[in-house]
Amino acid sequence: RRSRRAEAITLLNQISQEQERWRANNSTYALAASSPASGISVPNPSSGYYTLSIASASATGHQATATAAGAQASDTNCAVLRLAVAAGNVDSLAGPSIHGHCRRVAGARAAVVQ
């Protein structure tokens, strides 16, 4: 389960990097993922363990989520991983609250504000 979470976190970071590239040339972050106009693609892992999406976007921040699917759905404490950027601060949370084992995996991201 932990390596599956690491894959999802890597993909969330990829979305965040694409968002920053988009925002450098536009007035807001992109909400319409995978459209040619946005330039942002949401990579859903071929493993099928997570479904990724851009949950929100504005001029000052964005939020992407990875929701457990398939065999990973039984990982109830870490069923939803979220990476959010608000006013330049990066936050990475798991589920409705931060669980210790999810936090350790998310903590691998250097810019995480905890």
N, C-alpha and C. Protein backbone atom coordinates (compact mmCIF):
# COMPACT_ATOMS: atom_id res chain seq x y z
N ARG A 1 0.82 -1.20 0.00
CA ARG A 1 0.00 0.00 0.00
C ARG A 1 0.85 1.26 0.00
N ARG A 2 1.93 1.21 0.75
CA ARG A 2 2.78 2.40 0.87
C ARG A 2 3.39 2.78 -0.48
N SER A 3 3.84 1.80 -1.26
CA SER A 3 4.43 2.13 -2.56
C SER A 3 3.36 2.66 -3.51
N ARG A 4 2.13 2.19 -3.35
CA ARG A 4 1.03 2.71 -4.18
C ARG A 4 0.75 4.16 -3.83
N ARG A 5 0.80 4.48 -2.52
CA ARG A 5 0.62 5.87 -2.09
C ARG A 5 1.74 6.74 -2.65
N ALA A 6 2.96 6.21 -2.64
CA ALA A 6 4.10 6.97 -3.16
C ALA A 6 3.90 7.29 -4.64
N GLU A 7 3.34 6.35 -5.40
CA GLU A 7 3.05 6.60 -6.81
C GLU A 7 2.05 7.74 -6.95
N ALA A 8 1.00 7.72 -6.15
CA ALA A 8 -0.02 8.77 -6.21
C ALA A 8 0.57 10.12 -5.84
N ILE A 9 1.42 10.17 -4.84
CA ILE A 9 2.05 11.42 -4.41
C ILE A 9 2.96 11.96 -5.50
N THR A 10 3.68 11.07 -6.17
CA THR A 10 4.53 11.49 -7.29
C THR A 10 3.69 12.14 -8.39
N LEU A 11 2.54 11.54 -8.69
CA LEU A 11 1.66 12.10 -9.72
C LEU A 11 1.03 13.42 -9.28
N LEU A 12 0.69 13.54 -7.99
CA LEU A 12 0.17 14.82 -7.48
C LEU A 12 1.23 15.92 -7.62
N ASN A 13 2.48 15.57 -7.35
CA ASN A 13 3.57 16.53 -7.53
C ASN A 13 3.71 16.93 -8.99
N GLN A 14 3.52 15.98 -9.90
CA GLN A 14 3.60 16.26 -11.33
C GLN A 14 2.51 17.26 -11.73
N ILE A 15 1.30 17.05 -11.22
CA ILE A 15 0.20 17.99 -11.49
C ILE A 15 0.56 19.37 -10.96
N SER A 16 1.11 19.43 -9.77
CA SER A 16 1.47 20.72 -9.17
C SER A 16 2.52 21.45 -10.00
N GLN A 17 3.49 20.71 -10.51
CA GLN A 17 4.52 21.33 -11.35
C GLN A 17 3.91 21.88 -12.64
N GLU A 18 3.00 21.11 -13.24
CA GLU A 18 2.33 21.59 -14.45
C GLU A 18 1.48 22.83 -14.15
N GLN A 19 0.85 22.84 -12.98
CA GLN A 19 0.06 24.01 -12.58
C GLN A 19 0.96 25.26 -12.47
N GLU A 20 2.13 25.10 -11.89
CA GLU A 20 3.04 26.24 -11.74
C GLU A 20 3.50 26.75 -13.10
N ARG A 21 3.78 25.84 -14.03
CA ARG A 21 4.16 26.26 -15.38
C ARG A 21 3.00 27.03 -16.05
N TRP A 22 1.79 26.51 -15.86
CA TRP A 22 0.61 27.17 -16.44
C TRP A 22 0.43 28.56 -15.85
N ARG A 23 0.51 28.66 -14.51
CA ARG A 23 0.26 29.92 -13.80
C ARG A 23 1.29 30.98 -14.15
N ALA A 24 2.49 30.58 -14.52
CA ALA A 24 3.53 31.55 -14.88
C ALA A 24 3.12 32.40 -16.08
N ASN A 25 2.22 31.89 -16.91
CA ASN A 25 1.80 32.60 -18.12
C ASN A 25 0.32 32.95 -18.14
N ASN A 26 -0.41 32.69 -17.07
CA ASN A 26 -1.85 32.91 -17.03
C ASN A 26 -2.24 33.54 -15.70
N SER A 27 -3.44 34.10 -15.65
CA SER A 27 -3.88 34.82 -14.45
C SER A 27 -4.41 33.90 -13.34
N THR A 28 -4.70 32.65 -13.68
CA THR A 28 -5.17 31.69 -12.67
C THR A 28 -4.53 30.34 -12.93
N TYR A 29 -4.65 29.47 -11.94
CA TYR A 29 -4.26 28.07 -12.15
C TYR A 29 -5.33 27.40 -12.99
N ALA A 30 -5.01 26.29 -13.62
CA ALA A 30 -5.94 25.61 -14.52
C ALA A 30 -6.86 24.67 -13.75
N LEU A 31 -8.15 24.74 -14.05
CA LEU A 31 -9.11 23.81 -13.47
C LEU A 31 -9.49 22.73 -14.47
N ALA A 32 -9.54 23.09 -15.73
CA ALA A 32 -9.95 22.15 -16.77
C ALA A 32 -8.76 21.28 -17.15
N ALA A 33 -8.60 20.21 -16.45
CA ALA A 33 -7.48 19.30 -16.71
C ALA A 33 -7.70 18.55 -18.01
N SER A 34 -6.63 18.18 -18.61
CA SER A 34 -6.61 17.36 -19.83
C SER A 34 -7.25 18.03 -21.04
N SER A 35 -7.48 19.33 -20.98
CA SER A 35 -7.98 20.02 -22.18
C SER A 35 -6.80 20.72 -22.83
N PRO A 36 -6.74 20.76 -24.14
CA PRO A 36 -5.62 21.41 -24.81
C PRO A 36 -5.48 22.88 -24.41
N ALA A 37 -6.58 23.53 -24.11
CA ALA A 37 -6.52 24.94 -23.74
C ALA A 37 -5.80 25.15 -22.41
N SER A 38 -5.93 24.20 -21.48
CA SER A 38 -5.31 24.38 -20.16
C SER A 38 -3.84 24.02 -20.16
N GLY A 39 -3.43 23.12 -21.00
CA GLY A 39 -2.05 22.69 -20.99
C GLY A 39 -1.72 21.76 -19.83
N ILE A 40 -2.72 21.41 -19.04
CA ILE A 40 -2.53 20.54 -17.87
C ILE A 40 -3.10 19.16 -18.20
N SER A 41 -2.34 18.14 -17.90
CA SER A 41 -2.88 16.79 -18.05
C SER A 41 -2.85 16.11 -16.69
N VAL A 42 -3.91 15.41 -16.38
CA VAL A 42 -3.99 14.68 -15.12
C VAL A 42 -3.62 13.23 -15.42
N PRO A 43 -2.47 12.80 -14.93
CA PRO A 43 -2.02 11.45 -15.23
C PRO A 43 -2.68 10.43 -14.31
N ASN A 44 -3.59 9.64 -14.82
CA ASN A 44 -4.15 8.57 -13.99
C ASN A 44 -3.26 7.35 -14.15
N PRO A 45 -2.81 6.81 -13.03
CA PRO A 45 -1.88 5.69 -13.10
C PRO A 45 -2.50 4.48 -13.79
N SER A 46 -1.71 3.83 -14.61
CA SER A 46 -2.19 2.64 -15.32
C SER A 46 -2.47 1.50 -14.36
N SER A 47 -1.91 1.58 -13.15
CA SER A 47 -2.13 0.54 -12.16
C SER A 47 -3.59 0.49 -11.71
N GLY A 48 -4.30 1.63 -11.82
CA GLY A 48 -5.70 1.68 -11.40
C GLY A 48 -5.90 1.79 -9.91
N TYR A 49 -4.83 2.03 -9.15
CA TYR A 49 -4.95 2.11 -7.69
C TYR A 49 -5.46 3.47 -7.22
N TYR A 50 -5.34 4.50 -8.03
CA TYR A 50 -5.82 5.84 -7.66
C TYR A 50 -6.44 6.50 -8.88
N THR A 51 -7.38 7.40 -8.62
CA THR A 51 -7.94 8.27 -9.63
C THR A 51 -7.56 9.69 -9.24
N LEU A 52 -6.92 10.41 -10.14
CA LEU A 52 -6.46 11.76 -9.84
C LEU A 52 -7.37 12.80 -10.47
N SER A 53 -7.47 13.95 -9.81
CA SER A 53 -8.27 15.04 -10.35
C SER A 53 -7.79 16.37 -9.80
N ILE A 54 -8.12 17.44 -10.52
CA ILE A 54 -7.91 18.79 -10.00
C ILE A 54 -9.23 19.20 -9.36
N ALA A 55 -9.21 19.35 -8.04
CA ALA A 55 -10.43 19.62 -7.30
C ALA A 55 -10.83 21.08 -7.33
N SER A 56 -9.84 21.98 -7.35
CA SER A 56 -10.14 23.40 -7.38
C SER A 56 -8.93 24.15 -7.92
N ALA A 57 -9.20 25.36 -8.42
CA ALA A 57 -8.14 26.23 -8.93
C ALA A 57 -8.63 27.67 -8.90
N SER A 58 -7.72 28.58 -8.58
CA SER A 58 -8.06 30.01 -8.54
C SER A 58 -6.80 30.79 -8.92
N ALA A 59 -6.82 32.09 -8.72
CA ALA A 59 -5.64 32.90 -9.01
C ALA A 59 -4.54 32.69 -7.98
N THR A 60 -4.90 32.24 -6.78
CA THR A 60 -3.90 32.12 -5.71
C THR A 60 -3.57 30.70 -5.29
N GLY A 61 -4.26 29.70 -5.86
CA GLY A 61 -3.95 28.34 -5.45
C GLY A 61 -4.68 27.28 -6.25
N HIS A 62 -4.37 26.06 -5.93
CA HIS A 62 -5.02 24.92 -6.57
C HIS A 62 -4.97 23.73 -5.64
N GLN A 63 -5.82 22.76 -5.91
CA GLN A 63 -5.85 21.53 -5.11
C GLN A 63 -6.05 20.35 -6.05
N ALA A 64 -5.22 19.33 -5.87
CA ALA A 64 -5.35 18.09 -6.63
C ALA A 64 -5.55 16.95 -5.65
N THR A 65 -6.33 15.98 -6.04
CA THR A 65 -6.59 14.84 -5.16
C THR A 65 -6.31 13.53 -5.87
N ALA A 66 -5.95 12.55 -5.08
CA ALA A 66 -5.78 11.18 -5.55
C ALA A 66 -6.69 10.33 -4.67
N THR A 67 -7.68 9.71 -5.27
CA THR A 67 -8.66 8.91 -4.53
C THR A 67 -8.38 7.44 -4.80
N ALA A 68 -8.24 6.68 -3.71
CA ALA A 68 -7.94 5.25 -3.83
C ALA A 68 -9.04 4.53 -4.60
N ALA A 69 -8.63 3.59 -5.43
CA ALA A 69 -9.56 2.80 -6.24
C ALA A 69 -9.07 1.36 -6.28
N GLY A 70 -9.93 0.49 -6.74
CA GLY A 70 -9.55 -0.92 -6.87
C GLY A 70 -9.07 -1.50 -5.54
N ALA A 71 -8.01 -2.26 -5.59
CA ALA A 71 -7.48 -2.90 -4.39
C ALA A 71 -7.00 -1.90 -3.35
N GLN A 72 -6.64 -0.68 -3.77
CA GLN A 72 -6.16 0.33 -2.84
C GLN A 72 -7.31 0.94 -2.03
N ALA A 73 -8.54 0.78 -2.47
CA ALA A 73 -9.68 1.37 -1.77
C ALA A 73 -9.82 0.84 -0.34
N SER A 74 -9.26 -0.31 -0.06
CA SER A 74 -9.32 -0.85 1.31
C SER A 74 -8.36 -0.12 2.24
N ASP A 75 -7.52 0.75 1.73
CA ASP A 75 -6.60 1.56 2.53
C ASP A 75 -7.38 2.77 3.06
N THR A 76 -8.34 2.52 3.94
CA THR A 76 -9.32 3.53 4.33
C THR A 76 -8.72 4.76 5.01
N ASN A 77 -7.65 4.61 5.77
CA ASN A 77 -7.05 5.77 6.43
C ASN A 77 -6.41 6.74 5.45
N CYS A 78 -6.03 6.24 4.28
CA CYS A 78 -5.37 7.08 3.28
C CYS A 78 -6.13 7.02 1.96
N ALA A 79 -7.44 6.94 2.02
CA ALA A 79 -8.25 6.77 0.82
C ALA A 79 -8.20 7.99 -0.09
N VAL A 80 -7.99 9.17 0.47
CA VAL A 80 -7.89 10.38 -0.33
C VAL A 80 -6.60 11.10 0.06
N LEU A 81 -5.73 11.30 -0.91
CA LEU A 81 -4.51 12.08 -0.71
C LEU A 81 -4.73 13.41 -1.42
N ARG A 82 -4.31 14.49 -0.79
CA ARG A 82 -4.57 15.82 -1.34
C ARG A 82 -3.30 16.64 -1.30
N LEU A 83 -3.04 17.33 -2.39
CA LEU A 83 -1.95 18.30 -2.42
C LEU A 83 -2.58 19.64 -2.77
N ALA A 84 -2.39 20.61 -1.91
CA ALA A 84 -2.98 21.93 -2.12
C ALA A 84 -1.91 23.00 -2.05
N VAL A 85 -2.06 24.02 -2.89
CA VAL A 85 -1.19 25.19 -2.86
C VAL A 85 -2.11 26.39 -2.65
N ALA A 86 -1.81 27.17 -1.62
CA ALA A 86 -2.60 28.37 -1.33
C ALA A 86 -1.64 29.51 -0.99
N ALA A 87 -1.67 30.55 -1.77
CA ALA A 87 -0.84 31.73 -1.54
C ALA A 87 0.64 31.36 -1.38
N GLY A 88 1.09 30.42 -2.19
CA GLY A 88 2.49 30.02 -2.18
C GLY A 88 2.86 28.97 -1.16
N ASN A 89 1.94 28.59 -0.29
CA ASN A 89 2.21 27.56 0.70
C ASN A 89 1.71 26.22 0.21
N VAL A 90 2.54 25.20 0.35
CA VAL A 90 2.18 23.86 -0.08
C VAL A 90 1.74 23.06 1.13
N ASP A 91 0.62 22.35 0.97
CA ASP A 91 0.09 21.53 2.04
C ASP A 91 -0.24 20.17 1.45
N SER A 92 0.06 19.13 2.18
CA SER A 92 -0.23 17.79 1.71
C SER A 92 -0.92 17.04 2.84
N LEU A 93 -2.15 16.64 2.62
CA LEU A 93 -2.92 15.97 3.65
C LEU A 93 -3.48 14.66 3.13
N ALA A 94 -3.81 13.78 4.04
CA ALA A 94 -4.42 12.51 3.68
C ALA A 94 -5.74 12.37 4.40
N GLY A 95 -6.75 11.98 3.65
CA GLY A 95 -8.05 11.70 4.24
C GLY A 95 -8.65 12.88 4.97
N PRO A 96 -9.69 12.64 5.77
CA PRO A 96 -10.35 13.71 6.48
C PRO A 96 -9.47 14.31 7.57
N SER A 97 -8.49 13.57 8.03
CA SER A 97 -7.52 14.09 9.00
C SER A 97 -6.17 13.49 8.66
N ILE A 98 -5.13 14.02 9.25
CA ILE A 98 -3.80 13.52 8.93
C ILE A 98 -3.51 12.30 9.80
N HIS A 99 -3.32 11.17 9.15
CA HIS A 99 -2.97 9.94 9.86
C HIS A 99 -1.45 9.80 9.83
N GLY A 100 -0.89 9.30 10.91
CA GLY A 100 0.56 9.19 11.03
C GLY A 100 1.24 8.49 9.87
N HIS A 101 0.73 7.34 9.46
CA HIS A 101 1.41 6.61 8.39
C HIS A 101 1.23 7.29 7.04
N CYS A 102 0.15 7.99 6.81
CA CYS A 102 -0.01 8.74 5.56
C CYS A 102 0.91 9.95 5.58
N ARG A 103 1.02 10.56 6.72
CA ARG A 103 1.84 11.76 6.87
C ARG A 103 3.30 11.45 6.58
N ARG A 104 3.79 10.29 7.03
CA ARG A 104 5.18 9.91 6.77
C ARG A 104 5.43 9.80 5.28
N VAL A 105 4.51 9.21 4.54
CA VAL A 105 4.67 9.09 3.10
C VAL A 105 4.62 10.46 2.46
N ALA A 106 3.63 11.27 2.84
CA ALA A 106 3.49 12.60 2.27
C ALA A 106 4.68 13.48 2.64
N GLY A 107 5.28 13.21 3.79
CA GLY A 107 6.42 14.00 4.24
C GLY A 107 7.63 13.87 3.34
N ALA A 108 7.62 12.90 2.42
CA ALA A 108 8.72 12.74 1.49
C ALA A 108 8.82 13.94 0.56
N ARG A 109 7.74 14.68 0.43
CA ARG A 109 7.74 15.88 -0.41
C ARG A 109 8.40 17.00 0.38
N ALA A 110 9.48 17.52 -0.14
CA ALA A 110 10.31 18.48 0.61
C ALA A 110 9.57 19.75 0.98
N ALA A 111 8.63 20.19 0.15
CA ALA A 111 7.98 21.47 0.39
C ALA A 111 6.73 21.37 1.24
N VAL A 112 6.47 20.22 1.81
CA VAL A 112 5.25 20.06 2.60
C VAL A 112 5.29 20.92 3.85
N VAL A 113 4.22 21.67 4.07
CA VAL A 113 4.09 22.47 5.29
C VAL A 113 3.24 21.65 6.25
N GLN A 114 3.79 21.32 7.40
CA GLN A 114 3.03 20.48 8.35
C GLN A 114 2.84 21.18 9.67
